[in-house]
Protein backbone atom coordinates (compact mmCIF):
# COMPACT_ATOMS: atom_id res chain seq x y z
CA MET A 1 -1.17 13.04 21.12
CA THR A 2 -4.29 12.62 23.43
CA LEU A 3 -5.38 9.07 24.44
CA LEU A 4 -8.33 9.46 22.03
CA GLU A 5 -5.85 10.54 18.88
CA ALA A 6 -3.74 7.28 19.74
CA LEU A 7 -6.64 5.17 20.08
CA ALA A 8 -7.83 6.54 16.50
CA VAL A 9 -4.35 5.96 15.06
CA THR A 10 -4.26 2.59 16.03
CA LEU A 11 -7.62 1.87 14.96
CA ALA A 12 -6.61 3.37 11.45
CA GLY A 13 -3.88 0.85 11.36
CA VAL A 14 -6.06 -2.18 11.98
CA ALA A 15 -8.20 -1.01 9.08
CA ALA A 16 -5.16 -0.11 6.57
CA GLY A 17 -3.65 -3.51 7.71
CA THR A 18 -6.95 -5.12 6.99
CA ILE A 19 -7.46 -3.36 3.41
CA ASN A 20 -4.10 -3.62 2.41
CA VAL A 21 -4.11 -7.47 2.61
CA VAL A 22 -7.57 -7.63 0.84
CA VAL A 23 -7.15 -4.97 -2.05
CA GLY A 24 -4.50 -2.58 -1.24
CA SER A 25 -4.58 1.53 -0.56
CA GLY A 26 -5.04 1.25 3.25
CA THR A 27 -2.74 4.49 3.31
CA LEU A 28 -5.83 6.28 2.30
CA ILE A 29 -6.76 5.41 6.17
CA THR A 30 -3.56 5.83 7.97
CA PHE A 31 -2.18 8.98 6.15
CA PRO A 32 -5.15 11.32 6.81
CA ALA A 33 -5.45 10.12 10.36
CA LEU A 34 -1.75 11.31 11.02
CA LEU A 35 -2.42 14.64 9.23
CA ALA A 36 -5.79 14.93 11.60
CA VAL A 37 -3.74 14.54 14.80
CA GLY A 38 -1.24 17.36 13.44
CA TYR A 39 1.88 15.94 11.53
CA SER A 40 3.25 17.38 8.19
CA PRO A 41 2.45 15.70 4.94
CA VAL A 42 6.20 14.44 4.54
CA VAL A 43 6.31 13.37 8.31
CA ALA A 44 2.83 11.58 8.17
CA ASN A 45 4.05 9.67 4.89
CA VAL A 46 7.34 8.44 6.53
CA THR A 47 5.69 7.49 9.71
CA ASN A 48 2.92 5.86 7.55
CA SER A 49 5.27 3.75 5.53
CA LEU A 50 6.99 2.74 8.65
CA GLY A 51 4.21 1.70 10.51
CA LEU A 52 2.51 -0.35 7.72
CA VAL A 53 5.55 -2.70 7.58
CA PRO A 54 4.43 -5.58 10.24
CA GLY A 55 0.99 -5.51 8.71
CA SER A 56 2.41 -6.34 5.31
CA VAL A 57 4.42 -9.17 7.09
CA ALA A 58 1.51 -10.58 8.95
CA GLY A 59 -0.72 -10.59 5.78
CA SER A 60 2.19 -12.21 3.82
CA ILE A 61 2.06 -14.95 6.41
CA GLY A 62 -1.49 -15.38 6.43
CA TYR A 63 -1.30 -15.94 2.47
CA ARG A 64 1.52 -18.47 2.92
CA ARG A 65 -0.40 -21.22 1.27
CA GLU A 66 -1.44 -19.15 -1.78
CA LEU A 67 2.60 -18.33 -2.16
CA ALA A 68 3.55 -21.96 -2.36
CA GLY A 69 5.09 -22.64 -5.75
CA GLN A 70 5.96 -19.02 -6.30
CA ARG A 71 9.47 -18.80 -5.13
CA ARG A 72 10.81 -18.02 -8.73
CA ARG A 73 8.34 -15.48 -9.43
CA MET A 74 9.48 -13.89 -6.05
CA THR A 75 13.10 -14.14 -6.82
CA ARG A 76 12.39 -12.34 -10.19
CA LEU A 77 10.22 -9.84 -9.05
CA LEU A 78 11.41 -8.69 -5.41
CA PRO A 79 14.64 -7.17 -6.73
CA ALA A 80 12.52 -4.86 -8.95
CA SER A 81 10.11 -3.92 -6.10
CA LEU A 82 13.02 -3.11 -3.48
CA VAL A 83 15.07 -0.81 -6.34
CA GLY A 84 11.76 0.82 -6.84
CA GLY A 85 10.87 1.53 -3.39
CA THR A 86 14.65 2.37 -2.63
CA THR A 87 14.24 5.02 -5.43
CA GLY A 88 11.02 6.50 -4.36
CA ALA A 89 11.87 6.66 -1.04
CA LEU A 90 14.85 8.52 -1.66
CA LEU A 91 13.16 10.96 -3.83
CA LEU A 92 10.77 11.77 -1.08
CA LEU A 93 13.73 12.69 0.92
CA VAL A 94 15.71 14.22 -1.83
CA LEU A 95 13.07 16.44 -3.03
CA PRO A 96 11.58 19.44 -1.29
CA ASP A 97 8.93 19.24 1.06
CA ASP A 98 6.72 21.71 -1.03
CA THR A 99 7.04 19.35 -4.09
CA PHE A 100 5.50 16.30 -1.78
CA ARG A 101 2.89 18.89 -0.88
CA SER A 102 1.93 19.79 -4.20
CA ILE A 103 2.10 16.58 -5.82
CA VAL A 104 0.26 14.21 -3.09
CA PRO A 105 -3.10 15.70 -3.63
CA VAL A 106 -2.59 14.66 -7.36
CA PHE A 107 -1.57 11.25 -6.34
CA ILE A 108 -4.58 10.96 -3.99
CA VAL A 109 -6.91 12.03 -6.60
CA ALA A 110 -5.51 9.20 -9.21
CA ALA A 111 -5.60 6.73 -6.31
CA LEU A 112 -9.41 7.69 -5.77
CA VAL A 113 -10.14 7.42 -9.18
CA VAL A 114 -8.36 3.87 -9.37
CA ILE A 115 -10.50 2.68 -6.56
CA VAL A 116 -13.75 3.93 -8.08
CA LEU A 117 -12.80 2.09 -11.24
CA GLN A 118 -11.67 -0.94 -9.37
CA PRO A 119 -14.73 -3.12 -10.49
CA GLN A 120 -14.11 -2.00 -14.31
CA VAL A 121 -10.37 -2.42 -13.81
CA SER A 122 -11.01 -6.05 -12.55
CA GLN A 123 -13.15 -7.01 -15.23
CA TRP A 124 -10.37 -5.55 -17.89
CA VAL A 125 -7.75 -7.97 -15.99
CA ALA A 126 -10.26 -10.64 -16.41
CA ARG A 127 -10.69 -10.27 -20.21
CA HIS A 128 -6.85 -9.67 -20.76
CA ARG A 129 -5.50 -12.31 -18.54
CA PRO A 130 -3.09 -14.69 -20.34
CA HIS A 131 -3.94 -18.52 -20.78
CA GLY A 132 -0.15 -19.65 -21.54
CA ALA A 133 3.14 -18.67 -20.82
CA GLU A 134 3.88 -15.51 -18.26
CA HIS A 135 4.78 -12.19 -19.95
CA THR A 136 8.15 -11.98 -18.25
CA ARG A 137 9.98 -9.15 -19.92
CA LEU A 138 7.74 -6.14 -18.90
CA VAL A 139 6.61 -7.29 -15.66
CA PRO A 140 9.67 -6.38 -13.57
CA VAL A 141 9.72 -2.93 -15.24
CA LEU A 142 5.99 -2.24 -14.32
CA VAL A 143 6.76 -3.79 -10.65
CA PHE A 144 9.67 -1.53 -10.52
CA LEU A 145 7.47 1.65 -11.30
CA SER A 146 4.82 0.53 -8.94
CA GLY A 147 7.69 0.34 -6.25
CA LEU A 148 8.95 3.72 -7.14
CA TYR A 149 5.43 4.94 -6.36
CA GLY A 150 4.88 2.91 -3.54
CA GLY A 151 8.14 4.05 -1.89
CA TYR A 152 7.53 8.03 -2.56
CA PHE A 153 3.61 7.61 -1.60
CA GLY A 154 2.01 4.40 -1.99
CA ALA A 155 -1.96 4.57 -1.62
CA ALA A 156 -3.44 2.11 -4.34
CA GLN A 157 -0.07 0.42 -4.88
CA GLY A 158 -1.84 -2.64 -4.33
CA ILE A 159 -4.29 -2.38 -6.85
CA LEU A 160 -2.03 -1.18 -9.49
CA LEU A 161 0.27 -4.31 -8.62
CA MET A 162 -2.83 -6.48 -9.01
CA ALA A 163 -3.63 -4.88 -12.38
CA ILE A 164 0.01 -5.79 -13.48
CA LEU A 165 0.14 -9.29 -12.20
CA GLY A 166 -3.31 -10.03 -13.33
CA THR A 167 -2.62 -9.29 -16.85
CA ALA A 168 0.76 -10.76 -17.08
CA ILE A 169 0.51 -14.00 -14.89
CA PRO A 170 -2.15 -16.76 -15.89
CA ASP A 171 -2.69 -17.92 -12.34
CA ASP A 172 -5.38 -18.15 -9.52
CA LEU A 173 -6.34 -14.51 -8.35
CA GLN A 174 -5.97 -15.36 -4.78
CA ARG A 175 -2.61 -16.50 -5.32
CA LEU A 176 -1.58 -13.44 -7.24
CA ASN A 177 -3.07 -11.54 -4.48
CA ALA A 178 -0.59 -13.22 -1.96
CA LEU A 179 2.22 -12.35 -4.29
CA LYS A 180 1.13 -8.64 -4.22
CA ASN A 181 1.16 -8.62 -0.49
CA VAL A 182 4.84 -9.63 -0.97
CA LEU A 183 5.89 -7.31 -3.45
CA ALA A 184 4.03 -4.18 -1.86
CA GLY A 185 5.34 -5.27 1.65
CA ALA A 186 8.95 -5.17 0.31
CA VAL A 187 8.46 -1.87 -0.89
CA ASN A 188 6.94 -0.54 2.48
CA LEU A 189 9.83 -2.47 4.09
CA ILE A 190 12.87 -0.96 2.17
CA ALA A 191 11.25 2.31 2.56
CA GLY A 192 10.71 2.06 6.21
CA LEU A 193 14.25 1.24 6.87
CA ILE A 194 15.68 4.20 4.66
CA PHE A 195 13.28 6.30 6.54
CA ALA A 196 14.21 4.95 10.03
CA ALA A 197 17.78 5.41 9.40
CA ILE A 198 17.95 9.13 8.20
CA ALA A 199 14.17 10.63 8.03
CA ASP A 200 12.05 12.28 10.66
CA VAL A 201 9.85 9.64 12.09
CA ALA A 202 7.04 10.27 14.48
CA TRP A 203 8.10 7.06 16.60
CA GLY A 204 5.06 6.93 18.93
CA PRO A 205 2.33 7.09 16.09
CA ALA A 206 4.38 4.65 14.05
CA ALA A 207 4.47 2.23 16.74
CA LEU A 208 0.69 2.48 17.19
CA ILE A 209 0.22 2.07 13.18
CA ALA A 210 2.46 -1.17 13.48
CA LEU A 211 0.57 -2.61 16.18
CA GLY A 212 -2.92 -1.87 14.37
CA SER A 213 -1.61 -3.07 10.91
CA THR A 214 -0.40 -6.19 12.54
CA LEU A 215 -3.62 -6.98 13.83
CA GLY A 216 -5.26 -6.01 10.51
CA GLY A 217 -2.98 -8.01 8.54
CA VAL A 218 -4.03 -11.23 10.38
CA LEU A 219 -7.76 -10.42 10.28
CA GLY A 220 -7.55 -9.46 6.56
CA ALA A 221 -5.80 -12.61 5.58
CA ARG A 222 -8.61 -14.76 7.77
CA TYR A 223 -11.80 -12.73 7.34
CA GLY A 224 -10.87 -10.00 4.70
CA ARG A 225 -12.23 -11.97 1.52
CA ARG A 226 -15.73 -11.75 3.47
CA LEU A 227 -15.90 -8.10 3.37
CA SER A 228 -17.97 -6.20 0.86
CA PRO A 229 -15.73 -4.70 -1.94
CA GLY A 230 -18.22 -1.80 -2.22
CA ALA A 231 -18.37 -0.95 1.53
CA LEU A 232 -14.37 -1.21 1.62
CA ARG A 233 -14.22 1.29 -1.41
CA ALA A 234 -16.70 3.74 0.04
CA VAL A 235 -14.74 3.66 3.24
CA ILE A 236 -11.53 4.43 1.24
CA VAL A 237 -13.06 7.04 -1.05
CA ALA A 238 -14.60 9.04 1.93
CA VAL A 239 -11.20 8.87 4.07
CA GLY A 240 -9.16 9.75 0.77
CA VAL A 241 -11.56 12.69 0.20
CA PHE A 242 -10.95 14.10 3.85
CA ALA A 243 -7.08 13.90 3.30
CA LEU A 244 -7.64 15.66 -0.01
CA VAL A 245 -9.65 18.58 1.62
CA ARG A 246 -7.28 18.51 4.49
CA LEU A 247 -4.31 18.94 2.37
CA ILE A 248 -5.57 21.73 0.23
CA VAL A 249 -7.17 23.77 3.20
CA GLY A 250 -4.44 23.00 5.52
């Protein structure tokens, strides 16, 4: 990488770390950045997953006050996220590269649709939020499925998790966002450990994304709530469309 490319990857990490803490889908920033500097889709995905782990940790620490009193939930849901993330990561490594190249454009389109429709999704979640006991039986299954998706690719995993948690758990949305950060971070962590052990990782870009996402995680936890949701969606959609075009044309 040139110095300019390294700077671009680092800044993409900052943006992704911030966005992941606030809403999720930061992968649609860093994944296209790695494609743009010449990495193959599979190597870009593996490197991206590993690089975003420190940002998830920083964001979770930043939301530690909102996590207070949620130990029981984390104990119940973390295993589902870890098993799902492990399954998704192993599928990425076991399935042929051509399968990933074929299916990722579909995932990106799906993620972009979810992001564009996020206001409607949020309204639907608000209308269907429970007011009594938590729906405990189905949530671990849905968290496992979101973890599987996150371990395999991960764009918009955070938005999916917020939809799951928001419709199943009667609690403040900021507290659920803190829980989302922990669960999504666990998926990135377990997938990153697997990739670090047995996959082809571009370690230089992974370190740059890690540095950037850590800063972004801190910024997201401290200032991210002040960002305009509409502006965030516009940036994510624009970069996601670039990634889609890059995959199809390249």
